[in-house]
Structures are given as C-alpha cells and as structure tokens.
Amino acid sequence: MSVRNEPKIWAYIGASGSGKGVSINAALKQLKPRRLLIWDPRDEYDKHAPKFTSLKALALAVAKAGAGPFRARFVAGDSMKLETAFGFVCRLAFDAGNLVFLAEELSDVTSASQAPPAWRKCITQGRHQGLHVLAAAQRPALIDKTLLGNCTYVRCFGLRYDDDRRAMAKALDVDQARVNALRTIKDHRGVVIAYLERDFRNADEAVAGNIKLKPT
C-alpha cells in the first residue's frame, strides 16, 4: 500500500463546549493543508478558509483550482435541506481528491442507520482519492456507524448522555468508566480539557490526556 492510499480518518467526539473545536483548530494549524474543504454548518472556521453559501459557487471554485491549492468552507443557508447539501459537498470532496475534508456536526446530517452515500464513500474509499477526513460530532450514538468503524484515530471528550458514553467506550475499546470520567473544567486558573485518544494504526490501547488553556 502506498502512502497516498493509507486511510486517514480522524474523529473528534464530544458534547458542546467539551473541547473538540480546540483540538480541530490545532490539527488544522499543524497540518497546514494545501487543499482544504470544510462542511461548516455553525460558521466556526472562518480563520481557516473563505466562506461559501452557494453550492454552485463552491463547485466552481473547486473546479477552477483543479489540482492546485484551495481553501473553502461551506455554510448552508436556512432554506437548504442539510442532508442534500452535505451529500453534494461530500461528492465534491471525493471527486476533487488529495485534500483535507473536515465535516462538522455529523448528527445533523447522518443517523445511526443512514447517511448520504457520498459520505460513506469518503469514509470507505476516500483513501484511494488521497482524502484525509476529519469528522466531528456531539452525539456519537446518533451518527453513522461507518465513521466510528473505520476511524484510524479518535479523540473523545466529555459526553453528557449515557448512550453516547457507551458508544465511545465501545469505539475506543475501553471500560465505560474511563469515558464517564472525562470532564472539561473551567475556573479562575483557566480551562482543563480531559480526553481519551486512540491511534488505531500505532497504539494498542487508548491513552488519556488533557489540554490546559489559560484565561483570556
């Protein structure tokens, strides 16, 4: 298998405010992708790529870039059907290839039993297109299980629902008590974000870590 064909599917899972956004921003800063496409339903990643609200304009921008560098993020309008728009962006990412594709808020556009075919294609066949997928969700029990079953790396933060904690304990192959214990704590000294992570290609088990943020 060539380096190009090695799967790279990274999942960031945690409740709102648990710290996954901090980790995703850090990952994008470190990766410095030459080609980047973001599904950004909450309009959160403005420092990484210019915003598009028209699928046609987004497709034209990606086509114009060809095999060259580009950065783009799509923010769906209120009148759009999210699942349809997400499927379009997934097809665009797959066809463009050789890029980092960040998909946020997956529980909005996938369910445990259903997801746009183009999303599943990105997860199951994206390595052949040189895709590096970053995926984020607040409710892992509700999202398409194809993601968790194919991830090469998972970072899990605090979760508020027992079914979500159970889903991540299974995905990480750890005792649920370890997932239950994850907390994001804020006080006058700053914020401490606890997480569990597992690299399925290099580590035999999940390891614990934390991120310390100073007050701003």
N, C-alpha and C. Protein backbone atom coordinates (compact mmCIF):
# COMPACT_ATOMS: atom_id res chain seq x y z
N MET A 1 0.84 -1.21 0.00
CA MET A 1 0.00 0.00 0.00
C MET A 1 0.87 1.25 0.00
N SER A 2 0.63 2.18 -0.89
CA SER A 2 1.42 3.41 -0.94
C SER A 2 0.97 4.35 0.16
N VAL A 3 1.81 5.35 0.45
CA VAL A 3 1.46 6.35 1.46
C VAL A 3 0.18 7.06 1.07
N ARG A 4 0.01 7.32 -0.21
CA ARG A 4 -1.18 8.01 -0.69
C ARG A 4 -2.45 7.23 -0.34
N ASN A 5 -2.35 5.88 -0.36
CA ASN A 5 -3.53 5.07 -0.15
C ASN A 5 -3.77 4.69 1.31
N GLU A 6 -2.94 5.16 2.22
CA GLU A 6 -3.17 4.88 3.63
C GLU A 6 -4.38 5.67 4.11
N PRO A 7 -5.35 5.02 4.77
CA PRO A 7 -6.51 5.76 5.26
C PRO A 7 -6.13 6.74 6.37
N LYS A 8 -6.73 7.90 6.33
CA LYS A 8 -6.56 8.90 7.38
C LYS A 8 -7.94 9.44 7.71
N ILE A 9 -8.54 8.89 8.76
CA ILE A 9 -9.87 9.27 9.18
C ILE A 9 -9.80 9.58 10.67
N TRP A 10 -9.88 10.84 11.02
CA TRP A 10 -9.74 11.28 12.40
C TRP A 10 -11.09 11.76 12.90
N ALA A 11 -11.51 11.25 14.05
CA ALA A 11 -12.80 11.64 14.64
C ALA A 11 -12.57 12.40 15.94
N TYR A 12 -13.31 13.48 16.09
CA TYR A 12 -13.29 14.29 17.31
C TYR A 12 -14.72 14.30 17.86
N ILE A 13 -14.89 13.69 19.03
CA ILE A 13 -16.22 13.46 19.57
C ILE A 13 -16.33 14.09 20.95
N GLY A 14 -17.39 14.87 21.17
CA GLY A 14 -17.60 15.45 22.50
C GLY A 14 -18.79 16.38 22.51
N ALA A 15 -19.36 16.56 23.68
CA ALA A 15 -20.51 17.45 23.84
C ALA A 15 -20.10 18.89 23.55
N SER A 16 -21.08 19.73 23.33
CA SER A 16 -20.82 21.14 23.08
C SER A 16 -20.01 21.75 24.23
N GLY A 17 -18.94 22.45 23.88
CA GLY A 17 -18.11 23.08 24.89
C GLY A 17 -17.10 22.16 25.56
N SER A 18 -16.97 20.93 25.05
CA SER A 18 -16.08 19.95 25.70
C SER A 18 -14.63 20.09 25.27
N GLY A 19 -14.39 20.77 24.14
CA GLY A 19 -13.01 21.00 23.72
C GLY A 19 -12.63 20.46 22.36
N LYS A 20 -13.58 19.86 21.65
CA LYS A 20 -13.19 19.27 20.36
C LYS A 20 -12.81 20.35 19.35
N GLY A 21 -13.46 21.51 19.41
CA GLY A 21 -13.11 22.59 18.49
C GLY A 21 -11.68 23.06 18.67
N VAL A 22 -11.22 23.10 19.90
CA VAL A 22 -9.84 23.48 20.19
C VAL A 22 -8.88 22.51 19.51
N SER A 23 -9.19 21.22 19.61
CA SER A 23 -8.32 20.20 19.02
C SER A 23 -8.36 20.24 17.50
N ILE A 24 -9.53 20.46 16.92
CA ILE A 24 -9.63 20.52 15.46
C ILE A 24 -8.87 21.71 14.92
N ASN A 25 -9.02 22.86 15.57
CA ASN A 25 -8.28 24.05 15.13
C ASN A 25 -6.77 23.82 15.21
N ALA A 26 -6.35 23.15 16.28
CA ALA A 26 -4.92 22.86 16.42
C ALA A 26 -4.45 21.89 15.33
N ALA A 27 -5.29 20.91 15.00
CA ALA A 27 -4.91 19.95 13.96
C ALA A 27 -4.78 20.64 12.61
N LEU A 28 -5.73 21.51 12.29
CA LEU A 28 -5.66 22.23 11.01
C LEU A 28 -4.44 23.15 10.95
N LYS A 29 -4.14 23.77 12.07
CA LYS A 29 -2.96 24.64 12.12
C LYS A 29 -1.69 23.83 11.90
N GLN A 30 -1.64 22.63 12.46
CA GLN A 30 -0.46 21.79 12.32
C GLN A 30 -0.36 21.20 10.91
N LEU A 31 -1.49 20.77 10.37
CA LEU A 31 -1.48 20.14 9.05
C LEU A 31 -1.15 21.13 7.93
N LYS A 32 -1.61 22.37 8.09
CA LYS A 32 -1.43 23.39 7.06
C LYS A 32 -1.77 22.84 5.67
N PRO A 33 -2.99 22.34 5.50
CA PRO A 33 -3.30 21.66 4.24
C PRO A 33 -3.23 22.57 3.03
N ARG A 34 -2.66 22.06 1.97
CA ARG A 34 -2.58 22.77 0.71
C ARG A 34 -3.97 22.88 0.08
N ARG A 35 -4.79 21.85 0.31
CA ARG A 35 -6.15 21.81 -0.22
C ARG A 35 -7.08 21.46 0.95
N LEU A 36 -8.06 22.32 1.20
CA LEU A 36 -8.92 22.15 2.37
C LEU A 36 -10.37 22.46 2.01
N LEU A 37 -11.26 21.55 2.39
CA LEU A 37 -12.69 21.75 2.21
C LEU A 37 -13.38 21.46 3.53
N ILE A 38 -14.23 22.39 3.98
CA ILE A 38 -14.87 22.28 5.29
C ILE A 38 -16.38 22.34 5.14
N TRP A 39 -17.07 21.36 5.73
CA TRP A 39 -18.52 21.44 5.94
C TRP A 39 -18.69 22.10 7.30
N ASP A 40 -19.16 23.34 7.30
CA ASP A 40 -19.11 24.21 8.49
C ASP A 40 -20.49 24.76 8.81
N PRO A 41 -21.43 23.92 9.28
CA PRO A 41 -22.81 24.38 9.48
C PRO A 41 -22.98 25.46 10.54
N ARG A 42 -22.06 25.57 11.49
CA ARG A 42 -22.17 26.58 12.55
C ARG A 42 -21.31 27.81 12.26
N ASP A 43 -20.67 27.85 11.08
CA ASP A 43 -19.87 29.01 10.67
C ASP A 43 -18.77 29.32 11.70
N GLU A 44 -17.95 28.29 12.01
CA GLU A 44 -16.97 28.40 13.09
C GLU A 44 -15.51 28.48 12.63
N TYR A 45 -15.24 28.19 11.37
CA TYR A 45 -13.85 28.02 10.95
C TYR A 45 -13.39 29.11 9.98
N ASP A 46 -13.80 30.35 10.26
CA ASP A 46 -13.50 31.44 9.35
C ASP A 46 -12.01 31.73 9.23
N LYS A 47 -11.22 31.37 10.24
CA LYS A 47 -9.78 31.66 10.16
C LYS A 47 -9.03 30.67 9.28
N HIS A 48 -9.72 29.61 8.85
CA HIS A 48 -9.05 28.58 8.06
C HIS A 48 -9.38 28.64 6.56
N ALA A 49 -10.53 29.21 6.21
CA ALA A 49 -10.93 29.19 4.80
C ALA A 49 -12.04 30.20 4.56
N PRO A 50 -12.14 30.74 3.34
CA PRO A 50 -13.24 31.65 3.00
C PRO A 50 -14.57 30.90 2.93
N LYS A 51 -15.64 31.64 3.20
CA LYS A 51 -16.98 31.05 3.28
C LYS A 51 -17.69 31.08 1.94
N PHE A 52 -18.39 29.98 1.65
CA PHE A 52 -19.31 29.89 0.52
C PHE A 52 -20.68 29.52 1.05
N THR A 53 -21.70 30.14 0.51
CA THR A 53 -23.08 29.80 0.88
C THR A 53 -23.86 29.27 -0.31
N SER A 54 -23.24 29.26 -1.47
CA SER A 54 -23.85 28.74 -2.69
C SER A 54 -23.10 27.48 -3.12
N LEU A 55 -23.83 26.39 -3.30
CA LEU A 55 -23.19 25.16 -3.75
C LEU A 55 -22.58 25.32 -5.14
N LYS A 56 -23.26 26.07 -5.98
CA LYS A 56 -22.75 26.30 -7.33
C LYS A 56 -21.43 27.07 -7.29
N ALA A 57 -21.39 28.12 -6.48
CA ALA A 57 -20.16 28.91 -6.37
C ALA A 57 -19.02 28.07 -5.78
N LEU A 58 -19.35 27.22 -4.81
CA LEU A 58 -18.33 26.35 -4.22
C LEU A 58 -17.78 25.39 -5.27
N ALA A 59 -18.67 24.77 -6.04
CA ALA A 59 -18.24 23.82 -7.07
C ALA A 59 -17.37 24.50 -8.12
N LEU A 60 -17.73 25.71 -8.49
CA LEU A 60 -16.94 26.44 -9.48
C LEU A 60 -15.54 26.76 -8.94
N ALA A 61 -15.47 27.14 -7.66
CA ALA A 61 -14.18 27.47 -7.06
C ALA A 61 -13.28 26.24 -7.00
N VAL A 62 -13.86 25.09 -6.64
CA VAL A 62 -13.07 23.86 -6.57
C VAL A 62 -12.62 23.44 -7.98
N ALA A 63 -13.52 23.55 -8.94
CA ALA A 63 -13.16 23.20 -10.32
C ALA A 63 -12.07 24.12 -10.86
N LYS A 64 -12.16 25.40 -10.55
CA LYS A 64 -11.15 26.36 -11.01
C LYS A 64 -9.78 26.04 -10.43
N ALA A 65 -9.75 25.55 -9.20
CA ALA A 65 -8.47 25.21 -8.56
C ALA A 65 -7.82 24.02 -9.23
N GLY A 66 -8.63 23.12 -9.81
CA GLY A 66 -8.07 21.93 -10.43
C GLY A 66 -7.28 21.12 -9.42
N ALA A 67 -6.05 20.79 -9.76
CA ALA A 67 -5.19 20.05 -8.85
C ALA A 67 -4.37 20.98 -7.96
N GLY A 68 -4.61 22.27 -8.08
CA GLY A 68 -3.86 23.25 -7.32
C GLY A 68 -4.42 23.49 -5.94
N PRO A 69 -3.80 24.40 -5.20
CA PRO A 69 -4.23 24.67 -3.83
C PRO A 69 -5.55 25.43 -3.78
N PHE A 70 -6.33 25.14 -2.76
CA PHE A 70 -7.53 25.93 -2.49
C PHE A 70 -7.96 25.69 -1.04
N ARG A 71 -8.71 26.64 -0.53
CA ARG A 71 -9.32 26.51 0.80
C ARG A 71 -10.74 27.03 0.69
N ALA A 72 -11.69 26.26 1.16
CA ALA A 72 -13.09 26.66 1.07
C ALA A 72 -13.88 25.99 2.18
N ARG A 73 -14.88 26.69 2.66
CA ARG A 73 -15.79 26.10 3.64
C ARG A 73 -17.22 26.47 3.26
N PHE A 74 -18.10 25.51 3.44
CA PHE A 74 -19.48 25.73 3.05
C PHE A 74 -20.35 25.88 4.29
N VAL A 75 -21.12 26.97 4.31
CA VAL A 75 -22.07 27.25 5.38
C VAL A 75 -23.46 27.24 4.76
N ALA A 76 -24.26 26.24 5.10
CA ALA A 76 -25.58 26.08 4.50
C ALA A 76 -26.55 27.13 4.99
N GLY A 77 -27.38 27.64 4.09
CA GLY A 77 -28.41 28.60 4.45
C GLY A 77 -29.61 27.92 5.09
N ASP A 78 -30.45 28.72 5.72
CA ASP A 78 -31.62 28.18 6.43
C ASP A 78 -32.61 27.48 5.50
N SER A 79 -32.64 27.88 4.25
CA SER A 79 -33.60 27.31 3.31
C SER A 79 -33.13 25.99 2.71
N MET A 80 -31.90 25.61 2.98
CA MET A 80 -31.35 24.39 2.38
C MET A 80 -31.71 23.16 3.18
N LYS A 81 -31.90 22.04 2.49
CA LYS A 81 -32.02 20.75 3.16
C LYS A 81 -30.60 20.28 3.45
N LEU A 82 -30.27 20.18 4.73
CA LEU A 82 -28.90 19.92 5.13
C LEU A 82 -28.34 18.62 4.56
N GLU A 83 -29.13 17.56 4.60
CA GLU A 83 -28.63 16.27 4.12
C GLU A 83 -28.25 16.33 2.64
N THR A 84 -29.06 17.03 1.85
CA THR A 84 -28.78 17.16 0.42
C THR A 84 -27.51 17.98 0.18
N ALA A 85 -27.40 19.10 0.88
CA ALA A 85 -26.22 19.95 0.74
C ALA A 85 -24.97 19.22 1.19
N PHE A 86 -25.08 18.49 2.29
CA PHE A 86 -23.92 17.74 2.80
C PHE A 86 -23.48 16.67 1.80
N GLY A 87 -24.44 15.97 1.23
CA GLY A 87 -24.11 14.97 0.21
C GLY A 87 -23.38 15.58 -0.97
N PHE A 88 -23.81 16.78 -1.39
CA PHE A 88 -23.16 17.47 -2.51
C PHE A 88 -21.71 17.80 -2.16
N VAL A 89 -21.49 18.33 -0.95
CA VAL A 89 -20.13 18.70 -0.53
C VAL A 89 -19.25 17.46 -0.42
N CYS A 90 -19.81 16.36 0.05
CA CYS A 90 -19.05 15.11 0.13
C CYS A 90 -18.64 14.63 -1.25
N ARG A 91 -19.55 14.70 -2.21
CA ARG A 91 -19.21 14.31 -3.58
C ARG A 91 -18.12 15.20 -4.14
N LEU A 92 -18.21 16.48 -3.84
CA LEU A 92 -17.21 17.43 -4.30
C LEU A 92 -15.83 17.08 -3.72
N ALA A 93 -15.80 16.75 -2.42
CA ALA A 93 -14.54 16.39 -1.78
C ALA A 93 -13.95 15.13 -2.40
N PHE A 94 -14.78 14.13 -2.61
CA PHE A 94 -14.31 12.87 -3.16
C PHE A 94 -13.78 13.05 -4.58
N ASP A 95 -14.54 13.76 -5.39
CA ASP A 95 -14.13 13.94 -6.79
C ASP A 95 -12.87 14.80 -6.90
N ALA A 96 -12.75 15.81 -6.04
CA ALA A 96 -11.56 16.69 -6.09
C ALA A 96 -10.31 15.92 -5.66
N GLY A 97 -10.43 15.17 -4.57
CA GLY A 97 -9.33 14.34 -4.10
C GLY A 97 -8.13 15.11 -3.58
N ASN A 98 -7.21 14.39 -2.94
CA ASN A 98 -5.96 14.96 -2.43
C ASN A 98 -6.19 16.21 -1.59
N LEU A 99 -7.04 16.08 -0.59
CA LEU A 99 -7.36 17.22 0.27
C LEU A 99 -7.72 16.77 1.67
N VAL A 100 -7.73 17.74 2.58
CA VAL A 100 -8.27 17.55 3.92
C VAL A 100 -9.73 17.96 3.89
N PHE A 101 -10.59 17.06 4.33
CA PHE A 101 -12.03 17.31 4.34
C PHE A 101 -12.51 17.24 5.78
N LEU A 102 -12.93 18.40 6.32
CA LEU A 102 -13.48 18.48 7.66
C LEU A 102 -15.00 18.51 7.59
N ALA A 103 -15.63 17.58 8.28
CA ALA A 103 -17.10 17.52 8.35
C ALA A 103 -17.53 17.70 9.80
N GLU A 104 -18.17 18.81 10.08
CA GLU A 104 -18.62 19.13 11.43
C GLU A 104 -20.09 18.74 11.64
N GLU A 105 -20.45 18.58 12.93
CA GLU A 105 -21.84 18.36 13.36
C GLU A 105 -22.52 17.23 12.58
N LEU A 106 -21.92 16.05 12.61
CA LEU A 106 -22.43 14.93 11.82
C LEU A 106 -23.81 14.45 12.26
N SER A 107 -24.18 14.70 13.50
CA SER A 107 -25.51 14.26 13.94
C SER A 107 -26.62 15.06 13.28
N ASP A 108 -26.28 16.18 12.63
CA ASP A 108 -27.27 16.96 11.88
C ASP A 108 -27.58 16.31 10.53
N VAL A 109 -26.64 15.53 10.00
CA VAL A 109 -26.77 15.08 8.61
C VAL A 109 -26.63 13.57 8.43
N THR A 110 -26.35 12.85 9.51
CA THR A 110 -26.32 11.39 9.44
C THR A 110 -27.08 10.85 10.64
N SER A 111 -27.45 9.57 10.57
CA SER A 111 -28.05 8.89 11.71
C SER A 111 -27.36 7.54 11.86
N ALA A 112 -27.72 6.81 12.90
CA ALA A 112 -27.08 5.53 13.16
C ALA A 112 -27.27 4.55 12.01
N SER A 113 -28.35 4.71 11.26
CA SER A 113 -28.65 3.75 10.19
C SER A 113 -28.62 4.36 8.79
N GLN A 114 -28.38 5.67 8.71
CA GLN A 114 -28.45 6.31 7.39
C GLN A 114 -27.47 7.48 7.29
N ALA A 115 -26.92 7.62 6.08
CA ALA A 115 -26.02 8.73 5.77
C ALA A 115 -26.00 8.90 4.26
N PRO A 116 -25.72 10.09 3.78
CA PRO A 116 -25.59 10.26 2.33
C PRO A 116 -24.56 9.28 1.77
N PRO A 117 -24.88 8.61 0.67
CA PRO A 117 -23.93 7.66 0.08
C PRO A 117 -22.55 8.27 -0.17
N ALA A 118 -22.51 9.55 -0.53
CA ALA A 118 -21.22 10.19 -0.82
C ALA A 118 -20.36 10.30 0.44
N TRP A 119 -21.00 10.46 1.62
CA TRP A 119 -20.25 10.50 2.87
C TRP A 119 -19.63 9.13 3.15
N ARG A 120 -20.42 8.10 3.01
CA ARG A 120 -19.90 6.76 3.24
C ARG A 120 -18.79 6.42 2.24
N LYS A 121 -18.91 6.94 1.04
CA LYS A 121 -17.88 6.71 0.04
C LYS A 121 -16.57 7.39 0.45
N CYS A 122 -16.68 8.60 1.02
CA CYS A 122 -15.49 9.29 1.52
C CYS A 122 -14.81 8.46 2.60
N ILE A 123 -15.60 7.84 3.48
CA ILE A 123 -15.06 7.08 4.59
C ILE A 123 -14.48 5.74 4.13
N THR A 124 -15.19 5.06 3.24
CA THR A 124 -14.78 3.71 2.86
C THR A 124 -13.80 3.67 1.69
N GLN A 125 -13.84 4.68 0.82
CA GLN A 125 -12.99 4.66 -0.37
C GLN A 125 -12.11 5.90 -0.51
N GLY A 126 -12.24 6.83 0.41
CA GLY A 126 -11.53 8.10 0.28
C GLY A 126 -10.03 7.98 0.23
N ARG A 127 -9.47 6.92 0.82
CA ARG A 127 -8.01 6.76 0.80
C ARG A 127 -7.49 6.64 -0.63
N HIS A 128 -8.30 6.08 -1.52
CA HIS A 128 -7.87 5.95 -2.91
C HIS A 128 -7.84 7.30 -3.63
N GLN A 129 -8.54 8.28 -3.05
CA GLN A 129 -8.56 9.63 -3.61
C GLN A 129 -7.62 10.58 -2.88
N GLY A 130 -6.88 10.05 -1.93
CA GLY A 130 -5.98 10.90 -1.15
C GLY A 130 -6.70 11.80 -0.17
N LEU A 131 -7.87 11.36 0.32
CA LEU A 131 -8.62 12.16 1.29
C LEU A 131 -8.09 11.94 2.70
N HIS A 132 -7.97 13.02 3.43
CA HIS A 132 -7.72 12.99 4.87
C HIS A 132 -8.97 13.57 5.51
N VAL A 133 -9.76 12.71 6.14
CA VAL A 133 -11.06 13.12 6.68
C VAL A 133 -10.93 13.44 8.16
N LEU A 134 -11.42 14.63 8.54
CA LEU A 134 -11.58 15.00 9.94
C LEU A 134 -13.08 15.11 10.17
N ALA A 135 -13.59 14.42 11.19
CA ALA A 135 -15.03 14.39 11.42
C ALA A 135 -15.33 14.72 12.88
N ALA A 136 -16.40 15.45 13.11
CA ALA A 136 -16.75 15.87 14.46
C ALA A 136 -18.23 15.66 14.74
N ALA A 137 -18.52 15.28 15.98
CA ALA A 137 -19.92 15.07 16.38
C ALA A 137 -20.07 15.25 17.88
N GLN A 138 -21.24 15.72 18.27
CA GLN A 138 -21.57 15.86 19.69
C GLN A 138 -22.26 14.63 20.24
N ARG A 139 -22.97 13.89 19.38
CA ARG A 139 -23.77 12.75 19.81
C ARG A 139 -23.38 11.49 19.03
N PRO A 140 -22.35 10.79 19.47
CA PRO A 140 -21.88 9.63 18.72
C PRO A 140 -22.90 8.51 18.60
N ALA A 141 -23.82 8.41 19.53
CA ALA A 141 -24.84 7.35 19.45
C ALA A 141 -25.80 7.59 18.29
N LEU A 142 -25.83 8.83 17.78
CA LEU A 142 -26.80 9.18 16.74
C LEU A 142 -26.21 9.20 15.34
N ILE A 143 -24.90 9.12 15.22
CA ILE A 143 -24.28 9.31 13.89
C ILE A 143 -24.08 7.98 13.16
N ASP A 144 -23.74 8.09 11.89
CA ASP A 144 -23.47 6.94 11.04
C ASP A 144 -22.32 6.11 11.62
N LYS A 145 -22.57 4.84 11.84
CA LYS A 145 -21.57 3.98 12.47
C LYS A 145 -20.40 3.65 11.54
N THR A 146 -20.55 3.94 10.24
CA THR A 146 -19.44 3.70 9.32
C THR A 146 -18.21 4.50 9.74
N LEU A 147 -18.43 5.71 10.25
CA LEU A 147 -17.30 6.54 10.67
C LEU A 147 -16.54 5.88 11.81
N LEU A 148 -17.23 5.56 12.90
CA LEU A 148 -16.55 5.01 14.06
C LEU A 148 -15.93 3.64 13.76
N GLY A 149 -16.52 2.92 12.81
CA GLY A 149 -15.97 1.62 12.45
C GLY A 149 -14.75 1.68 11.57
N ASN A 150 -14.46 2.85 10.99
CA ASN A 150 -13.35 2.98 10.05
C ASN A 150 -12.30 3.99 10.47
N CYS A 151 -12.49 4.63 11.61
CA CYS A 151 -11.53 5.65 12.04
C CYS A 151 -10.14 5.08 12.24
N THR A 152 -9.15 5.85 11.86
CA THR A 152 -7.77 5.49 12.16
C THR A 152 -7.29 6.19 13.44
N TYR A 153 -8.01 7.25 13.84
CA TYR A 153 -7.67 7.98 15.06
C TYR A 153 -8.95 8.56 15.65
N VAL A 154 -9.09 8.45 16.97
CA VAL A 154 -10.26 9.00 17.66
C VAL A 154 -9.79 9.79 18.88
N ARG A 155 -10.34 10.97 19.04
CA ARG A 155 -10.16 11.72 20.29
C ARG A 155 -11.54 12.01 20.86
N CYS A 156 -11.76 11.56 22.09
CA CYS A 156 -13.07 11.68 22.74
C CYS A 156 -12.98 12.59 23.95
N PHE A 157 -13.93 13.50 24.04
CA PHE A 157 -14.03 14.44 25.15
C PHE A 157 -15.26 14.10 26.00
N GLY A 158 -15.59 14.96 26.94
CA GLY A 158 -16.72 14.72 27.82
C GLY A 158 -18.03 14.61 27.07
N LEU A 159 -18.85 13.66 27.50
CA LEU A 159 -20.17 13.42 26.89
C LEU A 159 -21.22 13.40 28.00
N ARG A 160 -22.41 13.90 27.68
CA ARG A 160 -23.43 14.06 28.73
C ARG A 160 -24.46 12.95 28.79
N TYR A 161 -24.60 12.19 27.72
CA TYR A 161 -25.60 11.13 27.67
C TYR A 161 -24.95 9.77 27.80
N ASP A 162 -25.61 8.90 28.56
CA ASP A 162 -25.04 7.58 28.79
C ASP A 162 -24.90 6.78 27.51
N ASP A 163 -25.86 6.89 26.59
CA ASP A 163 -25.74 6.12 25.35
C ASP A 163 -24.57 6.61 24.51
N ASP A 164 -24.24 7.91 24.59
CA ASP A 164 -23.06 8.42 23.88
C ASP A 164 -21.77 7.90 24.52
N ARG A 165 -21.74 7.90 25.85
CA ARG A 165 -20.54 7.39 26.54
C ARG A 165 -20.35 5.90 26.26
N ARG A 166 -21.46 5.17 26.19
CA ARG A 166 -21.39 3.75 25.89
C ARG A 166 -20.86 3.52 24.47
N ALA A 167 -21.34 4.34 23.53
CA ALA A 167 -20.89 4.21 22.14
C ALA A 167 -19.40 4.45 22.02
N MET A 168 -18.88 5.44 22.74
CA MET A 168 -17.45 5.75 22.63
C MET A 168 -16.58 4.76 23.39
N ALA A 169 -17.10 4.21 24.48
CA ALA A 169 -16.35 3.16 25.16
C ALA A 169 -16.16 1.97 24.22
N LYS A 170 -17.20 1.66 23.48
CA LYS A 170 -17.12 0.56 22.51
C LYS A 170 -16.16 0.92 21.37
N ALA A 171 -16.26 2.15 20.87
CA ALA A 171 -15.40 2.55 19.75
C ALA A 171 -13.93 2.57 20.14
N LEU A 172 -13.64 2.96 21.38
CA LEU A 172 -12.26 3.05 21.85
C LEU A 172 -11.77 1.74 22.47
N ASP A 173 -12.72 0.82 22.70
CA ASP A 173 -12.42 -0.46 23.34
C ASP A 173 -11.83 -0.24 24.73
N VAL A 174 -12.57 0.55 25.54
CA VAL A 174 -12.16 0.81 26.92
C VAL A 174 -13.35 0.61 27.84
N ASP A 175 -13.09 0.49 29.12
CA ASP A 175 -14.16 0.43 30.11
C ASP A 175 -14.91 1.76 30.10
N GLN A 176 -16.22 1.70 30.18
CA GLN A 176 -17.01 2.93 30.09
C GLN A 176 -16.69 3.91 31.21
N ALA A 177 -16.21 3.42 32.34
CA ALA A 177 -15.87 4.32 33.45
C ALA A 177 -14.83 5.35 33.02
N ARG A 178 -13.95 4.99 32.11
CA ARG A 178 -12.93 5.93 31.65
C ARG A 178 -13.56 7.05 30.82
N VAL A 179 -14.57 6.72 30.05
CA VAL A 179 -15.28 7.75 29.27
C VAL A 179 -16.15 8.59 30.19
N ASN A 180 -16.80 7.95 31.16
CA ASN A 180 -17.64 8.68 32.12
C ASN A 180 -16.85 9.74 32.88
N ALA A 181 -15.59 9.49 33.10
CA ALA A 181 -14.77 10.38 33.93
C ALA A 181 -14.28 11.62 33.19
N LEU A 182 -14.46 11.68 31.89
CA LEU A 182 -13.95 12.83 31.13
C LEU A 182 -14.72 14.10 31.48
N ARG A 183 -13.98 15.16 31.76
CA ARG A 183 -14.59 16.43 32.14
C ARG A 183 -13.80 17.59 31.50
N THR A 184 -14.50 18.68 31.24
CA THR A 184 -13.86 19.94 30.89
C THR A 184 -14.14 20.90 32.03
N ILE A 185 -13.09 21.30 32.74
CA ILE A 185 -13.24 22.08 33.97
C ILE A 185 -12.70 23.49 33.75
N LYS A 186 -13.52 24.47 34.13
CA LYS A 186 -13.13 25.87 33.99
C LYS A 186 -13.20 26.56 35.35
N ASP A 187 -12.13 27.27 35.70
CA ASP A 187 -12.13 28.07 36.91
C ASP A 187 -11.25 29.30 36.68
N HIS A 188 -10.90 30.01 37.74
CA HIS A 188 -10.14 31.26 37.61
C HIS A 188 -8.74 31.03 37.04
N ARG A 189 -8.27 29.79 37.09
CA ARG A 189 -6.93 29.48 36.57
C ARG A 189 -6.94 29.17 35.08
N GLY A 190 -8.12 28.96 34.52
CA GLY A 190 -8.23 28.64 33.11
C GLY A 190 -9.12 27.45 32.86
N VAL A 191 -8.84 26.71 31.80
CA VAL A 191 -9.65 25.56 31.41
C VAL A 191 -8.75 24.34 31.27
N VAL A 192 -9.20 23.23 31.80
CA VAL A 192 -8.51 21.95 31.61
C VAL A 192 -9.48 21.02 30.88
N ILE A 193 -9.08 20.58 29.70
CA ILE A 193 -9.90 19.73 28.84
C ILE A 193 -9.33 18.32 28.88
N ALA A 194 -10.09 17.39 29.44
CA ALA A 194 -9.63 15.99 29.50
C ALA A 194 -10.15 15.22 28.29
N TYR A 195 -9.35 14.29 27.81
CA TYR A 195 -9.77 13.49 26.67
C TYR A 195 -9.13 12.10 26.71
N LEU A 196 -9.71 11.20 25.94
CA LEU A 196 -9.10 9.91 25.63
C LEU A 196 -8.83 9.88 24.14
N GLU A 197 -7.72 9.31 23.74
CA GLU A 197 -7.44 9.22 22.31
C GLU A 197 -6.84 7.85 21.99
N ARG A 198 -7.10 7.43 20.77
CA ARG A 198 -6.50 6.18 20.31
C ARG A 198 -6.15 6.29 18.84
N ASP A 199 -4.91 5.96 18.54
CA ASP A 199 -4.44 5.87 17.16
C ASP A 199 -4.46 4.38 16.79
N PHE A 200 -5.41 3.98 15.99
CA PHE A 200 -5.60 2.56 15.72
C PHE A 200 -4.51 1.97 14.84
N ARG A 201 -3.71 2.79 14.24
CA ARG A 201 -2.64 2.27 13.39
C ARG A 201 -1.31 2.15 14.13
N ASN A 202 -1.22 2.81 15.30
CA ASN A 202 0.07 2.82 16.00
C ASN A 202 -0.01 2.47 17.49
N ALA A 203 -1.20 2.46 18.08
CA ALA A 203 -1.30 2.22 19.52
C ALA A 203 -2.23 1.04 19.79
N ASP A 204 -1.88 0.26 20.81
CA ASP A 204 -2.68 -0.90 21.17
C ASP A 204 -3.87 -0.55 22.05
N GLU A 205 -3.83 0.60 22.69
CA GLU A 205 -4.92 0.97 23.58
C GLU A 205 -5.07 2.48 23.64
N ALA A 206 -6.20 2.91 24.19
CA ALA A 206 -6.47 4.34 24.33
C ALA A 206 -5.66 4.93 25.47
N VAL A 207 -5.21 6.16 25.29
CA VAL A 207 -4.45 6.84 26.33
C VAL A 207 -5.17 8.14 26.70
N ALA A 208 -4.98 8.57 27.94
CA ALA A 208 -5.60 9.79 28.45
C ALA A 208 -4.68 10.97 28.27
N GLY A 209 -5.27 12.14 28.12
CA GLY A 209 -4.50 13.37 28.01
C GLY A 209 -5.34 14.55 28.41
N ASN A 210 -4.73 15.71 28.42
CA ASN A 210 -5.50 16.93 28.71
C ASN A 210 -4.88 18.12 28.02
N ILE A 211 -5.70 19.13 27.84
CA ILE A 211 -5.29 20.40 27.23
C ILE A 211 -5.54 21.48 28.27
N LYS A 212 -4.54 22.29 28.53
CA LYS A 212 -4.67 23.38 29.51
C LYS A 212 -4.69 24.71 28.79
N LEU A 213 -5.74 25.46 29.00
CA LEU A 213 -5.88 26.79 28.39
C LEU A 213 -5.87 27.84 29.49
N LYS A 214 -5.07 28.87 29.30
CA LYS A 214 -5.03 29.96 30.27
C LYS A 214 -6.23 30.88 30.07
N PRO A 215 -6.64 31.60 31.13
CA PRO A 215 -7.76 32.54 30.99
C PRO A 215 -7.45 33.59 29.94
N THR A 216 -8.48 34.01 29.21
CA THR A 216 -8.28 35.07 28.21
C THR A 216 -8.94 36.35 28.67
